[in-house]
Structure formats: structure tokens, C-alpha cells
Protein backbone atom coordinates (compact mmCIF):
# COMPACT_ATOMS: atom_id res chain seq x y z
CA UNK A 1 0.00 0.00 -0.01
CA UNK A 2 1.15 3.52 -0.81
CA UNK A 3 -0.45 6.41 1.05
CA UNK A 4 0.02 9.81 -0.52
CA UNK A 5 0.19 8.16 -3.94
CA UNK A 6 -0.59 11.40 -5.77
CA UNK A 7 2.10 13.46 -4.04
CA UNK A 8 5.60 14.39 -5.14
CA UNK A 9 7.32 11.35 -3.58
CA UNK A 10 4.39 8.95 -3.30
CA UNK A 11 3.66 9.04 -7.03
CA UNK A 12 7.26 8.10 -7.77
CA UNK A 13 7.09 5.28 -5.23
CA UNK A 14 4.04 3.86 -7.00
CA UNK A 15 5.71 4.12 -10.40
CA UNK A 16 8.83 2.40 -9.09
CA UNK A 17 7.00 -0.44 -7.35
CA UNK A 18 4.97 -1.21 -10.46
CA UNK A 19 8.15 -1.92 -12.40
CA UNK A 20 9.52 -4.43 -9.92
CA UNK A 21 9.01 -8.17 -10.23
CA UNK A 22 9.12 -8.58 -6.43
CA UNK A 23 5.82 -6.71 -6.13
CA UNK A 24 2.59 -8.55 -6.95
CA UNK A 25 0.16 -5.67 -6.34
CA UNK A 26 0.08 -2.03 -5.27
CA UNK A 27 -2.92 -0.63 -3.39
CA UNK A 28 -3.37 3.16 -3.44
CA UNK A 29 -6.12 4.76 -1.32
CA UNK A 30 -6.81 8.18 -2.89
CA UNK A 31 -9.27 11.06 -2.65
CA UNK A 32 -9.76 10.97 -6.42
CA UNK A 33 -8.55 8.44 -8.96
CA UNK A 34 -5.58 9.49 -11.07
CA UNK A 35 -5.04 8.74 -14.72
CA UNK A 36 -2.43 6.12 -13.91
CA UNK A 37 -3.37 2.61 -14.99
CA UNK A 38 -1.47 -0.64 -14.57
CA UNK A 39 -2.48 -4.30 -14.14
CA UNK A 40 -0.83 -4.40 -10.69
CA UNK A 41 -2.31 -1.10 -9.47
CA UNK A 42 -5.58 -0.83 -7.53
CA UNK A 43 -6.75 2.68 -6.75
CA UNK A 44 -9.54 3.06 -4.21
CA UNK A 45 -11.34 6.32 -3.52
CA UNK A 46 -11.65 6.56 0.27
CA UNK A 47 -12.81 9.03 2.90
CA UNK A 48 -9.66 9.83 4.87
CA UNK A 49 -11.81 11.17 7.69
CA UNK A 50 -13.23 7.64 8.04
CA UNK A 51 -10.42 5.29 7.03
CA UNK A 52 -11.88 2.59 9.28
CA UNK A 53 -14.68 2.20 6.73
CA UNK A 54 -12.00 0.99 4.29
CA UNK A 55 -10.22 -1.27 6.78
CA UNK A 56 -10.29 -4.25 4.42
CA UNK A 57 -7.90 -2.46 2.05
CA UNK A 58 -5.19 -2.56 4.69
CA UNK A 59 -4.72 -6.32 4.43
CA UNK A 60 -1.31 -5.85 2.81
CA UNK A 61 2.27 -6.92 3.51
CA UNK A 62 3.78 -3.45 3.73
CA UNK A 63 2.67 0.17 3.88
CA UNK A 64 4.62 3.13 2.52
CA UNK A 65 3.27 6.37 4.01
CA UNK A 66 4.13 9.54 2.09
CA UNK A 67 0.95 11.28 3.13
CA UNK A 68 1.32 14.90 4.18
CA UNK A 69 0.38 18.50 3.58
CA UNK A 70 1.47 22.00 4.59
CA UNK A 71 -0.10 24.38 7.09
CA UNK A 72 -0.74 26.82 4.25
CA UNK A 73 -2.51 24.22 2.12
CA UNK A 74 -4.39 22.69 5.08
CA UNK A 75 -5.59 26.12 6.22
CA UNK A 76 -4.76 25.82 9.90
CA UNK A 77 -2.55 24.02 12.37
CA UNK A 78 -5.49 21.85 13.40
CA UNK A 79 -6.15 20.73 9.83
CA UNK A 80 -2.44 20.13 9.25
CA UNK A 81 -2.28 17.92 12.33
CA UNK A 82 -5.38 16.01 11.21
CA UNK A 83 -3.61 15.01 7.99
CA UNK A 84 0.02 14.61 9.03
CA UNK A 85 -0.73 12.97 12.37
CA UNK A 86 -4.32 11.72 12.39
CA UNK A 87 -4.61 10.20 8.93
CA UNK A 88 -1.12 8.67 9.03
CA UNK A 89 -1.55 7.16 12.48
CA UNK A 90 -4.98 5.71 11.65
CA UNK A 91 -3.54 4.09 8.55
CA UNK A 92 -0.70 2.62 10.60
CA UNK A 93 -3.18 1.28 13.16
CA UNK A 94 -5.39 -0.29 10.48
CA UNK A 95 -2.39 -1.86 8.79
CA UNK A 96 -1.08 -3.33 12.01
CA UNK A 97 -4.53 -4.70 12.92
CA UNK A 98 -4.78 -6.33 9.48
CA UNK A 99 -1.38 -7.99 9.84
CA UNK A 100 0.92 -5.71 7.84
CA UNK A 101 4.53 -6.58 8.67
CA UNK A 102 6.29 -3.38 7.60
CA UNK A 103 5.64 0.34 7.75
CA UNK A 104 7.83 2.82 5.91
CA UNK A 105 7.17 6.41 7.03
CA UNK A 106 8.10 9.67 5.37
CA UNK A 107 8.88 12.01 8.27
CA UNK A 108 11.30 14.95 8.28
CA UNK A 109 14.71 15.98 9.50
CA UNK A 110 14.37 17.50 12.97
CA UNK A 111 11.24 15.54 13.85
CA UNK A 112 10.94 15.41 17.64
CA UNK A 113 7.88 15.20 19.87
CA UNK A 114 9.40 17.72 22.30
CA UNK A 115 10.36 20.26 19.64
CA UNK A 116 9.23 23.86 20.06
CA UNK A 117 8.65 23.99 16.29
CA UNK A 118 5.08 22.92 15.55
CA UNK A 119 5.86 21.06 12.30
CA UNK A 120 8.73 19.10 13.81
CA UNK A 121 6.71 18.34 16.95
CA UNK A 122 3.78 16.87 14.97
CA UNK A 123 6.16 14.74 12.93
CA UNK A 124 7.89 13.54 16.09
CA UNK A 125 4.61 12.74 17.82
CA UNK A 126 3.60 10.64 14.82
CA UNK A 127 6.89 8.75 14.92
CA UNK A 128 6.45 8.00 18.61
CA UNK A 129 2.87 6.81 18.08
CA UNK A 130 3.80 4.54 15.16
CA UNK A 131 6.73 3.07 17.12
CA UNK A 132 4.28 2.09 19.87
CA UNK A 133 2.37 -0.09 17.39
CA UNK A 134 5.31 -2.54 17.35
CA UNK A 135 5.52 -3.23 13.64
CA UNK A 136 8.00 -6.05 13.00
CA UNK A 137 9.76 -3.66 10.59
CA UNK A 138 9.61 0.13 10.84
CA UNK A 139 11.66 2.48 8.69
CA UNK A 140 11.44 6.24 9.26
CA UNK A 141 12.80 8.61 6.60
CA UNK A 142 14.25 11.96 7.67
CA UNK A 143 14.81 13.95 4.47
CA UNK A 144 15.50 17.67 4.54
CA UNK A 145 14.13 19.83 1.70
CA UNK A 146 12.58 17.63 -1.00
CA UNK A 147 13.57 18.70 -4.51
CA UNK A 148 11.32 18.18 -7.51
CA UNK A 149 8.53 19.66 -9.59
CA UNK A 150 5.35 20.21 -7.57
CA UNK A 151 1.89 20.94 -8.93
CA UNK A 152 1.30 23.67 -6.32
CA UNK A 153 3.57 26.67 -5.97
CA UNK A 154 5.45 27.02 -2.69
CA UNK A 155 7.39 30.29 -2.78
CA UNK A 156 9.75 29.57 0.12
CA UNK A 157 10.50 26.06 -1.16
CA UNK A 158 11.06 27.32 -4.70
CA UNK A 159 13.67 29.73 -3.37
CA UNK A 160 15.27 26.98 -1.31
CA UNK A 161 15.41 24.68 -4.32
CA UNK A 162 17.25 27.30 -6.37
CA UNK A 163 19.80 27.84 -3.61
CA UNK A 164 20.17 24.23 -2.53
CA UNK A 165 22.88 23.13 -5.03
CA UNK A 166 25.14 25.82 -3.55
CA UNK A 167 24.10 25.16 0.05
CA UNK A 168 24.59 21.40 -0.29
CA UNK A 169 28.30 21.88 -0.98
CA UNK A 170 28.70 23.54 2.40
CA UNK A 171 26.80 20.86 4.29
CA UNK A 172 29.48 18.32 5.08
CA UNK A 173 30.30 16.02 7.98
CA UNK A 174 27.55 16.12 10.64
CA UNK A 175 25.65 18.71 8.58
CA UNK A 176 25.29 16.38 5.58
CA UNK A 177 21.92 15.17 6.83
CA UNK A 178 20.49 18.65 6.15
CA UNK A 179 21.21 18.49 2.41
CA UNK A 180 18.28 18.89 0.06
CA UNK A 181 17.44 15.66 -1.71
CA UNK A 182 15.56 14.78 -4.85
CA UNK A 183 12.12 13.25 -4.22
CA UNK A 184 13.03 10.69 -6.87
CA UNK A 185 16.00 9.60 -4.79
CA UNK A 186 13.86 9.16 -1.68
CA UNK A 187 11.30 7.21 -3.72
CA UNK A 188 13.99 4.94 -5.17
CA UNK A 189 15.26 4.18 -1.66
CA UNK A 190 11.76 3.33 -0.47
CA UNK A 191 11.14 1.07 -3.47
CA UNK A 192 14.44 -0.75 -2.94
CA UNK A 193 13.65 -1.16 0.76
CA UNK A 194 10.20 -2.63 0.09
CA UNK A 195 11.58 -5.00 -2.54
CA UNK A 196 14.33 -6.10 -0.17
CA UNK A 197 11.68 -6.96 2.40
CA UNK A 198 9.74 -8.90 -0.22
CA UNK A 199 12.70 -11.22 -0.71
CA UNK A 200 13.74 -11.59 2.93
CA UNK A 201 12.03 -12.66 6.12
CA UNK A 202 12.34 -10.26 9.05
CA UNK A 203 13.63 -12.44 11.85
CA UNK A 204 13.43 -9.85 14.62
CA UNK A 205 11.96 -6.42 15.25
CA UNK A 206 13.73 -3.73 13.23
CA UNK A 207 13.49 0.05 13.58
CA UNK A 208 15.45 2.11 11.07
CA UNK A 209 15.90 5.88 10.93
CA UNK A 210 17.22 6.97 7.54
CA UNK A 211 18.88 10.33 6.93
CA UNK A 212 20.52 11.78 3.80
CA UNK A 213 23.60 9.50 3.47
CA UNK A 214 21.63 6.31 4.16
CA UNK A 215 18.81 7.34 1.79
CA UNK A 216 21.25 8.04 -1.03
CA UNK A 217 23.03 4.73 -0.48
CA UNK A 218 19.79 2.77 -0.40
CA UNK A 219 18.58 4.51 -3.57
CA UNK A 220 21.66 3.21 -5.37
């Protein structure tokens, strides 16, 4: 299952998974069906405010969660939290209840439940809540600025994207984790991770936190 399948990273995850022989089927809960069609892809229009009504869809082996919004797009902090915390956690709960073995979560660099920054705090609270579900395999991605073409215009991000090639050169050593990263690179890493799980049995509980260097390596 891919949540956020119409977003910048999620769409690339879906595309990548569909090309891999290790993957038998991809389930994508969406608000509206996209134009993408493939024999292995099942798109289901769901009400994200009532995901429990679609609980049967969560009978999958692994869930990749790239679901998220911005405060500006959501309209308020409360609405942002409903999407980035509420929807994601409910999906994780439904997957765990249905027997999903792995959960791969797109979070963010700086995520921490005790952060004074609202965005980072929400992301950290979600991580803590998902950890408590005791998935046999949990992988949390901590990218910095995601680079790529978005449908919606984000002025601050557009400026950051233009400057990032220069900034990245200065981010070395312990600062490397703050480098901007292509959404396609993150998606490739997630696809490779899922396919690796498809060919191996997880013998013991695993919790991974992946930052820039690890994401780039896994993408390769």
C-alpha cells in the first residue's frame, strides 16, 4: 500500500513499485482516482476522515506512508495535524490490525515530539505513536528539503530549491543530513527497501531511521 500516492514522492514510489518483479500488487487509497493505470495497481477512492470504513484495504504486507500537507494548504494548524498525524496514524493502526509486517514512514529531519517547532513536533509525535504499534519492521525517513517539480507553488521552497545546489556543498560532515534531496532519490530508496523486504524474512523487530547518506546509499 502507498499512502500519498498522488504526491511528489508517493507518485514516484508507486511508479517504481509497479516496475519491480518482487511486487505482486500495489494498493493506493486516494481522494480521487488518477489517470495512472497498470495491471498491478488498484486505486480506491476513500474518505480519509473515516479510514476505518475501508479497513479491508489494509490487508497488505507493507505500507509506505508519504501522506502529508502544509499548514498553508491545510488552512490551519489543526487541519495540518489532522492530515500529518491523524490520517497517518490511523492508517498505521489499520495496517497493524490487518497484519501488515512493515511500515515505511516519510517524516522529516528535525522531527521530535518535544520540539518547540510545531511542524517538527507533529512529525515527532507521529513517529512516537507509530513506534508504539510494534511493527516487525519500521523504517522512518528523515529527508531535509525535497527537490522536484510540484503541482502547487510554494514560494519559500522554490527559493530553497534554487539555492540548494550551492548550500549542499557547504553541508558536510555532521551537517550532511540537512542536504536537500531529490524526491526521486527518496522514492527509489523506499522502493528498494520494500523490494528487499519482499525477498527476505524479518527475523526480529527492526526500527530504522534513515537520513541523507543512508537514503542516497539505499537509492543506489
